[in-house]
Amino acid sequence: MNAPTYVADVLRLYLELPETPLRPGVQDQERARRWYDRGIPLPLAESALLLGSLRRLLRPADAAPLSPIRSLAYFQPVLDELLSNPPQDGYLDYLRLKLQRLTVAKAVPANVQKNTSPDDR
């Protein structure tokens, strides 16, 4: 996969998540390019995005609300965690299914930003 395709795929996956911006910023594009340059496999990047999003969505109902995700950088610690402890085969499919079920159960649109303020980048 070439760099422009990888970057576009990462950004598409990122923007499809709940609580993410409507459009990627320049920093998001640069971070996705750095992931490509580091040789991060796309399935691992997707796993980090899904896991980070699921962790937010599965917080206790009485927990203080979190602000919307403003950049792809939010997922960097999750990616680093997965790099140090690679997931088993089938984990990505599990995460996809878990997010799908959760968004249906909570009626959380998977591709709608909660806050459209231009300052939330």
Protein backbone atom coordinates (compact mmCIF):
# COMPACT_ATOMS: atom_id res chain seq x y z
CA MET A 1 0.00 0.00 0.00
CA ASN A 2 1.36 3.43 -0.88
CA ALA A 3 1.49 6.38 1.51
CA PRO A 4 -1.44 8.42 0.11
CA THR A 5 -3.75 5.38 0.24
CA TYR A 6 -2.65 4.48 3.77
CA VAL A 7 -3.12 8.05 5.01
CA ALA A 8 -6.55 8.29 3.38
CA ASP A 9 -7.61 4.97 4.92
CA VAL A 10 -6.44 5.94 8.41
CA LEU A 11 -8.21 9.29 8.19
CA ARG A 12 -11.41 7.68 6.90
CA LEU A 13 -11.39 5.19 9.79
CA TYR A 14 -10.72 8.02 12.24
CA LEU A 15 -13.54 10.22 10.94
CA GLU A 16 -16.04 7.34 11.05
CA LEU A 17 -15.68 7.07 14.83
CA PRO A 18 -18.03 8.76 17.27
CA GLU A 19 -16.84 12.02 18.83
CA THR A 20 -14.27 12.79 16.14
CA PRO A 21 -14.15 15.88 13.92
CA LEU A 22 -15.97 16.20 10.62
CA ARG A 23 -12.69 16.83 8.81
CA PRO A 24 -9.09 15.89 9.56
CA GLY A 25 -6.60 18.60 10.33
CA VAL A 26 -3.14 18.99 8.88
CA GLN A 27 -1.68 17.45 12.04
CA ASP A 28 -3.92 14.40 11.58
CA GLN A 29 -2.62 13.93 8.05
CA GLU A 30 0.96 14.29 9.28
CA ARG A 31 0.44 11.78 12.09
CA ALA A 32 -1.11 9.24 9.71
CA ARG A 33 1.89 9.74 7.41
CA ARG A 34 4.27 9.15 10.35
CA TRP A 35 2.41 5.91 11.11
CA TYR A 36 2.96 4.88 7.49
CA ASP A 37 6.65 5.85 7.66
CA ARG A 38 7.03 3.80 10.86
CA GLY A 39 5.53 0.78 9.10
CA ILE A 40 2.43 0.58 11.30
CA PRO A 41 0.16 -1.99 9.62
CA LEU A 42 -3.26 -0.58 8.76
CA PRO A 43 -5.07 -3.30 10.77
CA LEU A 44 -3.06 -2.33 13.86
CA ALA A 45 -3.86 1.36 13.33
CA GLU A 46 -7.55 0.47 12.97
CA SER A 47 -7.38 -1.61 16.14
CA ALA A 48 -5.95 1.37 18.04
CA LEU A 49 -8.69 3.66 16.75
CA LEU A 50 -11.46 1.23 17.62
CA LEU A 51 -10.03 0.36 21.04
CA GLY A 52 -9.57 4.00 21.98
CA SER A 53 -13.09 4.82 20.91
CA LEU A 54 -14.57 1.83 22.72
CA ARG A 55 -12.81 2.75 25.94
CA ARG A 56 -14.47 6.15 25.83
CA LEU A 57 -17.90 4.77 24.98
CA LEU A 58 -17.79 2.08 27.67
CA ARG A 59 -17.07 4.48 30.54
CA PRO A 60 -19.51 4.31 33.44
CA ALA A 61 -22.69 6.30 32.85
CA ASP A 62 -22.06 8.38 35.98
CA ALA A 63 -18.53 9.35 34.92
CA ALA A 64 -17.88 12.95 34.00
CA PRO A 65 -18.35 13.54 30.27
CA LEU A 66 -15.25 13.77 28.13
CA SER A 67 -14.64 16.44 25.55
CA PRO A 68 -14.78 15.37 21.90
CA ILE A 69 -11.68 13.88 20.33
CA ARG A 70 -9.86 16.70 18.58
CA SER A 71 -7.06 14.93 16.81
CA LEU A 72 -5.64 11.61 15.73
CA ALA A 73 -2.98 12.16 18.40
CA TYR A 74 -5.57 11.03 20.97
CA PHE A 75 -5.04 7.46 19.74
CA GLN A 76 -1.22 7.47 19.84
CA PRO A 77 -0.95 5.99 23.38
CA VAL A 78 -3.36 3.22 22.40
CA LEU A 79 -1.30 2.48 19.29
CA ASP A 80 1.88 2.41 21.39
CA GLU A 81 0.18 0.01 23.80
CA LEU A 82 -0.76 -2.32 20.94
CA LEU A 83 2.74 -2.13 19.50
CA SER A 84 4.21 -3.25 22.81
CA ASN A 85 1.59 -5.96 23.27
CA PRO A 86 0.33 -7.02 19.82
CA PRO A 87 -3.26 -8.25 19.72
CA GLN A 88 -4.13 -11.81 18.83
CA ASP A 89 -5.61 -12.80 15.49
CA GLY A 90 -9.28 -11.96 15.35
CA TYR A 91 -9.00 -9.01 17.73
CA LEU A 92 -9.74 -6.45 15.02
CA ASP A 93 -12.91 -8.32 14.03
CA TYR A 94 -13.91 -8.42 17.72
CA LEU A 95 -13.40 -4.66 18.07
CA ARG A 96 -15.39 -3.93 14.92
CA LEU A 97 -18.28 -6.06 16.14
CA LYS A 98 -18.14 -4.57 19.64
CA LEU A 99 -18.29 -1.00 18.32
CA GLN A 100 -21.08 -1.87 15.91
CA ARG A 101 -23.17 -3.44 18.67
CA LEU A 102 -22.45 -0.60 21.08
CA THR A 103 -23.34 2.14 18.62
CA VAL A 104 -26.59 0.37 17.74
CA ALA A 105 -27.45 -0.24 21.40
CA LYS A 106 -26.70 3.34 22.43
CA ALA A 107 -27.90 4.83 19.13
CA VAL A 108 -24.54 6.57 18.85
CA PRO A 109 -24.03 7.57 15.22
CA ALA A 110 -20.64 6.24 14.18
CA ASN A 111 -19.97 9.05 11.72
CA VAL A 112 -21.41 12.12 13.40
CA GLN A 113 -19.40 14.61 15.39
CA LYS A 114 -20.96 15.65 18.68
CA ASN A 115 -19.44 19.15 18.62
CA THR A 116 -18.98 21.02 15.34
CA SER A 117 -17.11 23.98 16.73
CA PRO A 118 -14.14 24.84 14.48
CA ASP A 119 -12.05 25.29 17.65
CA ASP A 120 -12.26 21.54 18.38
CA ARG A 121 -9.39 20.51 16.19
